[in-house]
Protein backbone atom coordinates (compact mmCIF):
# COMPACT_ATOMS: atom_id res chain seq x y z
CA MET A 1 -134.72 -13.58 -69.58
CA THR A 2 -133.39 -11.19 -72.15
CA LYS A 3 -134.73 -7.65 -72.20
CA LEU A 4 -135.36 -6.56 -75.77
CA PRO A 5 -135.01 -2.86 -76.58
CA GLY A 6 -138.34 -1.19 -77.35
CA VAL A 7 -140.41 -4.08 -75.97
CA PRO A 8 -142.26 -3.37 -72.68
CA ASP A 9 -141.88 -5.80 -69.78
CA THR A 10 -142.96 -6.04 -66.13
CA ASP A 11 -140.65 -3.16 -65.12
CA ASP A 12 -142.77 -0.86 -67.28
CA ILE A 13 -146.06 -1.54 -65.46
CA ARG A 14 -147.56 1.05 -63.09
CA PRO A 15 -150.82 0.43 -61.20
CA GLY A 16 -153.70 2.45 -62.60
CA MET A 17 -152.18 3.14 -66.02
CA ALA A 18 -154.11 2.08 -69.12
CA SER A 19 -151.03 0.65 -70.84
CA TYR A 20 -147.26 0.25 -70.43
CA LEU A 21 -145.17 3.13 -69.11
CA GLY A 22 -143.28 5.04 -71.81
CA THR A 23 -145.17 3.72 -74.85
CA GLY A 24 -146.60 7.17 -75.66
CA PRO A 25 -145.01 10.01 -77.60
CA LEU A 26 -141.42 10.81 -76.68
CA GLY A 27 -141.19 13.29 -73.81
CA SER A 28 -144.90 13.20 -72.93
CA THR A 29 -146.08 12.54 -69.37
CA CYS A 30 -149.31 11.55 -67.68
CA GLY A 31 -149.61 15.12 -66.39
CA THR A 32 -150.03 16.41 -69.95
CA CYS A 33 -152.64 13.80 -70.91
CA LYS A 34 -156.35 14.56 -71.22
CA TRP A 35 -157.25 11.24 -69.55
CA MET A 36 -155.57 12.06 -66.23
CA GLY A 37 -157.95 13.04 -63.47
CA TYR A 38 -161.73 12.76 -63.41
CA PHE A 39 -164.68 13.05 -61.04
CA LYS A 40 -166.17 9.92 -59.52
CA PRO A 41 -169.35 9.64 -57.43
CA GLY A 42 -168.90 10.41 -53.74
CA LYS A 43 -171.09 9.64 -50.75
CA ASP A 44 -174.59 11.03 -50.78
CA LYS A 45 -175.29 13.50 -47.99
CA PHE A 46 -178.56 14.47 -46.38
CA ASN A 47 -179.19 18.22 -46.11
CA LYS A 48 -181.31 18.82 -42.99
CA ARG A 49 -182.28 22.33 -43.99
CA THR A 50 -183.76 21.34 -47.37
CA GLU A 51 -184.55 17.75 -46.33
CA GLN A 52 -183.07 16.43 -49.56
CA THR A 53 -180.28 14.03 -50.38
CA VAL A 54 -177.39 15.71 -52.18
CA SER A 55 -175.10 13.71 -54.48
CA THR A 56 -171.43 14.64 -54.32
CA ARG A 57 -168.49 14.16 -56.68
CA VAL A 58 -164.88 13.51 -55.73
CA LYS A 59 -161.89 14.51 -57.89
CA THR A 60 -159.45 11.65 -58.39
CA GLN A 61 -156.01 11.58 -60.02
CA GLY A 62 -156.78 8.25 -61.69
CA CYS A 63 -156.64 7.54 -65.40
CA ARG A 64 -160.01 7.87 -67.13
CA MET A 65 -158.84 5.55 -69.93
CA PHE A 66 -158.05 2.88 -67.29
CA LEU A 67 -161.65 3.27 -66.06
CA THR A 68 -162.99 2.98 -69.62
CA LEU A 69 -161.01 -0.19 -70.36
CA THR A 70 -161.43 -2.03 -67.05
CA HIS A 71 -164.76 -0.63 -65.76
CA ARG A 72 -163.22 -0.01 -62.33
CA HIS A 73 -161.51 2.88 -60.60
CA GLY A 74 -157.76 2.46 -60.40
CA PRO A 75 -155.26 4.09 -58.07
CA GLY A 76 -154.00 7.58 -58.83
CA VAL A 77 -151.23 8.03 -61.38
CA LYS A 78 -148.32 10.42 -60.98
CA ALA A 79 -148.07 13.38 -63.32
CA GLU A 80 -144.35 12.80 -63.95
CA TRP A 81 -144.72 9.22 -65.22
CA ALA A 82 -143.92 8.71 -68.92
CA ALA A 83 -147.14 8.52 -70.93
CA CYS A 84 -148.71 5.33 -72.27
CA LYS A 85 -149.96 4.60 -75.79
CA TYR A 86 -153.40 6.12 -75.03
CA TRP A 87 -151.88 9.58 -74.41
CA GLU A 88 -153.79 12.51 -75.93
CA ALA A 89 -152.97 16.17 -75.50
CA LYS A 90 -155.07 18.14 -73.02
CA ASP A 91 -157.57 20.57 -74.45
CA ASP A 92 -156.70 23.84 -72.70
CA ARG A 93 -160.07 25.37 -73.58
CA ARG A 94 -161.85 23.05 -71.08
CA ARG A 95 -160.23 24.69 -68.05
């Protein structure tokens, strides 16, 4: 098949990304996107001292937009990957 310039194909797919690799703004990466990384529910633990069950959260490097679109947790994405079309700048005030 012929590869057309500017048209994504199977080489531009990365597991866990919400869309095709490199379809975001020029020079942007997943590491600079507000959707990268989120907390997901962890295993509940029983605290013997208080005799209560404690819910835990686990930090994941997955894409929150992937979770929103597919309703499932995907594998982690690498910060250096070129951003997809859902890229949005991180809000530095949230840190």
